[in-house]
Amino acid sequence: MKDRTVIVDNECQPLADEMLAHIGESFCHAAGMPNENDGSTGLGLYLTKRILDA
């Protein structure tokens, strides 16, 4: 397995420390639930992690 470094630039509200442990999970959001007002699904970092783990 290769060593990898992923840098994530967050331009939204900062993630709480307790959320960092869940950053690669599907539907993970800073507020805890998907927000239909911001158009996000919570799948971006999950899919990125799945691709890197493949």
C-alpha atoms as a PDB file:
ATOM      1  CA  MET A   1       0.000   0.000   0.000  1.00  0.00           C
ATOM      2  CA  LYS A   2       1.297   3.443  -0.895  1.00  0.00           C
ATOM      3  CA  ASP A   3       1.605   6.262   1.594  1.00  0.00           C
ATOM      4  CA  ARG A   4      -0.714   9.075   0.579  1.00  0.00           C
ATOM      5  CA  THR A   5      -1.391  12.572   1.756  1.00  0.00           C
ATOM      6  CA  VAL A   6      -4.668  14.292   1.015  1.00  0.00           C
ATOM      7  CA  ILE A   7      -5.054  17.984   1.722  1.00  0.00           C
ATOM      8  CA  VAL A   8      -8.599  19.284   2.072  1.00  0.00           C
ATOM      9  CA  ASP A   9      -9.268  23.001   1.817  1.00  0.00           C
ATOM     10  CA  ASN A  10     -12.437  23.815   3.721  1.00  0.00           C
ATOM     11  CA  GLU A  11     -13.992  27.126   2.709  1.00  0.00           C
ATOM     12  CA  CYS A  12     -17.100  26.622   4.842  1.00  0.00           C
ATOM     13  CA  GLN A  13     -17.598  26.516   8.583  1.00  0.00           C
ATOM     14  CA  PRO A  14     -14.784  24.727  10.447  1.00  0.00           C
ATOM     15  CA  LEU A  15     -15.373  21.107  11.396  1.00  0.00           C
ATOM     16  CA  ALA A  16     -15.681  20.330  15.073  1.00  0.00           C
ATOM     17  CA  ASP A  17     -12.953  18.044  16.396  1.00  0.00           C
ATOM     18  CA  GLU A  18     -15.448  15.210  16.961  1.00  0.00           C
ATOM     19  CA  MET A  19     -16.414  15.339  13.252  1.00  0.00           C
ATOM     20  CA  LEU A  20     -12.835  14.804  12.043  1.00  0.00           C
ATOM     21  CA  ALA A  21     -13.017  11.113  12.987  1.00  0.00           C
ATOM     22  CA  HIS A  22     -15.991  10.756  10.594  1.00  0.00           C
ATOM     23  CA  ILE A  23     -14.637  12.797   7.682  1.00  0.00           C
ATOM     24  CA  GLY A  24     -14.525   9.822   5.247  1.00  0.00           C
ATOM     25  CA  GLU A  25     -17.974   8.467   6.048  1.00  0.00           C
ATOM     26  CA  SER A  26     -20.857   8.825   3.619  1.00  0.00           C
ATOM     27  CA  PHE A  27     -23.273  11.673   4.268  1.00  0.00           C
ATOM     28  CA  CYS A  28     -20.914  13.286   6.794  1.00  0.00           C
ATOM     29  CA  HIS A  29     -21.692  16.979   7.280  1.00  0.00           C
ATOM     30  CA  ALA A  30     -20.374  19.596   9.661  1.00  0.00           C
ATOM     31  CA  ALA A  31     -23.880  20.132  11.003  1.00  0.00           C
ATOM     32  CA  GLY A  32     -24.485  16.382  11.206  1.00  0.00           C
ATOM     33  CA  MET A  33     -27.130  16.164   8.476  1.00  0.00           C
ATOM     34  CA  PRO A  34     -27.186  17.027   4.761  1.00  0.00           C
ATOM     35  CA  ASN A  35     -28.404  20.553   4.136  1.00  0.00           C
ATOM     36  CA  GLU A  36     -30.613  20.845   1.079  1.00  0.00           C
ATOM     37  CA  ASN A  37     -30.027  24.605   1.069  1.00  0.00           C
ATOM     38  CA  ASP A  38     -26.308  24.308   0.296  1.00  0.00           C
ATOM     39  CA  GLY A  39     -26.669  21.645  -2.405  1.00  0.00           C
ATOM     40  CA  SER A  40     -24.206  19.256  -0.778  1.00  0.00           C
ATOM     41  CA  THR A  41     -24.751  15.535  -0.369  1.00  0.00           C
ATOM     42  CA  GLY A  42     -21.967  14.619   2.022  1.00  0.00           C
ATOM     43  CA  LEU A  43     -20.484  12.182  -0.490  1.00  0.00           C
ATOM     44  CA  GLY A  44     -17.485  14.114  -1.830  1.00  0.00           C
ATOM     45  CA  LEU A  45     -14.856  13.101   0.723  1.00  0.00           C
ATOM     46  CA  TYR A  46     -16.409   9.648   1.078  1.00  0.00           C
ATOM     47  CA  LEU A  47     -16.017   8.997  -2.658  1.00  0.00           C
ATOM     48  CA  THR A  48     -12.509  10.480  -2.636  1.00  0.00           C
ATOM     49  CA  LYS A  49     -11.535   8.100   0.178  1.00  0.00           C
ATOM     50  CA  ARG A  50     -13.033   5.113  -1.665  1.00  0.00           C
ATOM     51  CA  ILE A  51     -11.057   5.964  -4.820  1.00  0.00           C
ATOM     52  CA  LEU A  52      -7.807   6.405  -2.898  1.00  0.00           C
ATOM     53  CA  ASP A  53      -8.353   3.144  -1.011  1.00  0.00           C
ATOM     54  CA  ALA A  54      -8.968   1.195  -4.257  1.00  0.00           C
END
